[in-house]
Amino acid sequence: MATIEEITDRIRHAAATSAGLDKTIKLDLKGEGYIHIAGAEVTNEDRPADLTVTVARKDLEALGRRELDPMRAVMTGRLKLSDMGLAMKLLPQIQSLFSNAG
């Protein structure tokens, strides 16, 4: 399993090479830390964000490997979203970012 720093570096690299997001996203890794994404800036700081995604690190990795379906993760409580409407609106940008982070 990758460390939070390794995941952050992958997301940072993907954010630098993609179109980026027009909203901020915070990944809350359930007590293991945070990954805050604001355009091409990616940090491990616990900053306010437009969308907060709460997910365990192992589930985040499973999502990245496409071993866990995002909708199933939401329905089973393994993935929580602060704003479902915003998450759906940002879905194409988020998928592009995370597919490049693999």
C-alpha atoms as a PDB file:
ATOM      1  CA  MET A   1       0.000   0.000   0.000  1.00  0.00           C
ATOM      2  CA  ALA A   2       1.313   3.420  -0.957  1.00  0.00           C
ATOM      3  CA  THR A   3       2.073   6.036   1.675  1.00  0.00           C
ATOM      4  CA  ILE A   4       0.131   9.292   1.822  1.00  0.00           C
ATOM      5  CA  GLU A   5       3.227  11.070   0.518  1.00  0.00           C
ATOM      6  CA  GLU A   6       3.421   8.744  -2.498  1.00  0.00           C
ATOM      7  CA  ILE A   7      -0.277   9.241  -3.271  1.00  0.00           C
ATOM      8  CA  THR A   8       0.124  13.009  -2.882  1.00  0.00           C
ATOM      9  CA  ASP A   9       3.111  13.026  -5.253  1.00  0.00           C
ATOM     10  CA  ARG A  10       1.144  11.065  -7.877  1.00  0.00           C
ATOM     11  CA  ILE A  11      -1.786  13.479  -7.608  1.00  0.00           C
ATOM     12  CA  ARG A  12       0.584  16.467  -7.666  1.00  0.00           C
ATOM     13  CA  HIS A  13       2.200  15.185 -10.883  1.00  0.00           C
ATOM     14  CA  ALA A  14      -1.205  14.505 -12.466  1.00  0.00           C
ATOM     15  CA  ALA A  15      -2.504  17.958 -11.483  1.00  0.00           C
ATOM     16  CA  ALA A  16       0.554  19.614 -13.019  1.00  0.00           C
ATOM     17  CA  THR A  17       0.055  17.800 -16.336  1.00  0.00           C
ATOM     18  CA  SER A  18      -3.741  18.065 -16.603  1.00  0.00           C
ATOM     19  CA  ALA A  19      -6.190  20.898 -17.146  1.00  0.00           C
ATOM     20  CA  GLY A  20      -6.787  20.998 -13.389  1.00  0.00           C
ATOM     21  CA  LEU A  21      -9.921  21.514 -11.372  1.00  0.00           C
ATOM     22  CA  ASP A  22     -11.860  24.740 -11.129  1.00  0.00           C
ATOM     23  CA  LYS A  23     -12.942  23.898  -7.545  1.00  0.00           C
ATOM     24  CA  THR A  24     -10.944  22.779  -4.521  1.00  0.00           C
ATOM     25  CA  ILE A  25     -11.103  19.225  -3.237  1.00  0.00           C
ATOM     26  CA  LYS A  26      -9.971  17.825   0.086  1.00  0.00           C
ATOM     27  CA  LEU A  27      -9.424  14.100   0.538  1.00  0.00           C
ATOM     28  CA  ASP A  28      -9.918  13.245   4.207  1.00  0.00           C
ATOM     29  CA  LEU A  29      -8.157   9.918   4.686  1.00  0.00           C
ATOM     30  CA  LYS A  30      -9.976   9.058   7.920  1.00  0.00           C
ATOM     31  CA  GLY A  31      -7.358   9.964  10.494  1.00  0.00           C
ATOM     32  CA  GLU A  32      -4.351   9.182   8.276  1.00  0.00           C
ATOM     33  CA  GLY A  33      -4.057  12.687   6.848  1.00  0.00           C
ATOM     34  CA  TYR A  34      -5.366  14.957   4.122  1.00  0.00           C
ATOM     35  CA  ILE A  35      -4.694  15.710   0.488  1.00  0.00           C
ATOM     36  CA  HIS A  36      -5.863  19.178  -0.599  1.00  0.00           C
ATOM     37  CA  ILE A  37      -6.122  19.861  -4.347  1.00  0.00           C
ATOM     38  CA  ALA A  38      -6.472  23.428  -5.618  1.00  0.00           C
ATOM     39  CA  GLY A  39      -5.748  23.493  -9.354  1.00  0.00           C
ATOM     40  CA  ALA A  40      -2.124  22.443  -9.766  1.00  0.00           C
ATOM     41  CA  GLU A  41      -1.352  22.986  -6.058  1.00  0.00           C
ATOM     42  CA  VAL A  42      -1.523  19.773  -4.040  1.00  0.00           C
ATOM     43  CA  THR A  43      -0.645  19.717  -0.323  1.00  0.00           C
ATOM     44  CA  ASN A  44      -1.219  17.614   2.768  1.00  0.00           C
ATOM     45  CA  GLU A  45      -2.754  20.535   4.644  1.00  0.00           C
ATOM     46  CA  ASP A  46      -6.218  20.420   6.211  1.00  0.00           C
ATOM     47  CA  ARG A  47      -7.653  23.429   4.369  1.00  0.00           C
ATOM     48  CA  PRO A  48     -11.280  24.272   3.617  1.00  0.00           C
ATOM     49  CA  ALA A  49     -12.456  23.003   0.210  1.00  0.00           C
ATOM     50  CA  ASP A  50     -15.463  23.189  -2.072  1.00  0.00           C
ATOM     51  CA  LEU A  51     -15.762  19.392  -1.919  1.00  0.00           C
ATOM     52  CA  THR A  52     -14.587  17.082   0.848  1.00  0.00           C
ATOM     53  CA  VAL A  53     -14.231  13.397   0.040  1.00  0.00           C
ATOM     54  CA  THR A  54     -13.879  11.160   3.089  1.00  0.00           C
ATOM     55  CA  VAL A  55     -12.361   7.797   2.224  1.00  0.00           C
ATOM     56  CA  ALA A  56      -9.902   5.325   3.766  1.00  0.00           C
ATOM     57  CA  ARG A  57      -6.503   5.226   2.074  1.00  0.00           C
ATOM     58  CA  LYS A  58      -6.947   1.568   1.046  1.00  0.00           C
ATOM     59  CA  ASP A  59     -10.312   2.399  -0.544  1.00  0.00           C
ATOM     60  CA  LEU A  60      -8.801   5.416  -2.336  1.00  0.00           C
ATOM     61  CA  GLU A  61      -6.164   3.120  -3.821  1.00  0.00           C
ATOM     62  CA  ALA A  62      -8.833   0.555  -4.798  1.00  0.00           C
ATOM     63  CA  LEU A  63     -10.781   3.346  -6.522  1.00  0.00           C
ATOM     64  CA  GLY A  64      -7.620   4.398  -8.373  1.00  0.00           C
ATOM     65  CA  ARG A  65      -7.031   0.824  -9.563  1.00  0.00           C
ATOM     66  CA  ARG A  66     -10.730   0.585 -10.561  1.00  0.00           C
ATOM     67  CA  GLU A  67     -11.199  -2.328  -8.160  1.00  0.00           C
ATOM     68  CA  LEU A  68     -13.887  -0.402  -6.250  1.00  0.00           C
ATOM     69  CA  ASP A  69     -16.855   1.180  -7.996  1.00  0.00           C
ATOM     70  CA  PRO A  70     -17.342   4.802  -6.802  1.00  0.00           C
ATOM     71  CA  MET A  71     -21.150   4.521  -6.629  1.00  0.00           C
ATOM     72  CA  ARG A  72     -20.952   1.269  -4.666  1.00  0.00           C
ATOM     73  CA  ALA A  73     -18.440   2.934  -2.328  1.00  0.00           C
ATOM     74  CA  VAL A  74     -20.873   5.816  -1.730  1.00  0.00           C
ATOM     75  CA  MET A  75     -23.847   3.480  -1.221  1.00  0.00           C
ATOM     76  CA  THR A  76     -21.956   1.331   1.302  1.00  0.00           C
ATOM     77  CA  GLY A  77     -20.531   4.318   3.213  1.00  0.00           C
ATOM     78  CA  ARG A  78     -16.921   3.636   2.236  1.00  0.00           C
ATOM     79  CA  LEU A  79     -16.858   6.986   0.395  1.00  0.00           C
ATOM     80  CA  LYS A  80     -18.581  10.096   1.745  1.00  0.00           C
ATOM     81  CA  LEU A  81     -19.066  13.332  -0.171  1.00  0.00           C
ATOM     82  CA  SER A  82     -19.780  16.731   1.367  1.00  0.00           C
ATOM     83  CA  ASP A  83     -21.753  17.786  -1.737  1.00  0.00           C
ATOM     84  CA  MET A  84     -23.072  15.078  -4.055  1.00  0.00           C
ATOM     85  CA  GLY A  85     -24.258  17.620  -6.661  1.00  0.00           C
ATOM     86  CA  LEU A  86     -20.832  19.246  -6.893  1.00  0.00           C
ATOM     87  CA  ALA A  87     -19.144  15.829  -6.994  1.00  0.00           C
ATOM     88  CA  MET A  88     -21.314  14.811  -9.959  1.00  0.00           C
ATOM     89  CA  LYS A  89     -20.551  18.114 -11.720  1.00  0.00           C
ATOM     90  CA  LEU A  90     -16.791  17.654 -11.190  1.00  0.00           C
ATOM     91  CA  LEU A  91     -16.806  13.929 -12.024  1.00  0.00           C
ATOM     92  CA  PRO A  92     -15.181  14.249 -15.495  1.00  0.00           C
ATOM     93  CA  GLN A  93     -12.394  16.451 -14.106  1.00  0.00           C
ATOM     94  CA  ILE A  94     -11.875  14.200 -11.073  1.00  0.00           C
ATOM     95  CA  GLN A  95     -11.749  11.049 -13.223  1.00  0.00           C
ATOM     96  CA  SER A  96      -9.226  12.673 -15.558  1.00  0.00           C
ATOM     97  CA  LEU A  97      -7.053  13.761 -12.645  1.00  0.00           C
ATOM     98  CA  PHE A  98      -7.095  10.381 -10.899  1.00  0.00           C
ATOM     99  CA  SER A  99      -6.599   8.370 -14.092  1.00  0.00           C
ATOM    100  CA  ASN A 100      -3.397  10.366 -14.646  1.00  0.00           C
ATOM    101  CA  ALA A 101      -2.346   9.776 -11.023  1.00  0.00           C
ATOM    102  CA  GLY A 102      -2.157   5.996 -11.465  1.00  0.00           C
END
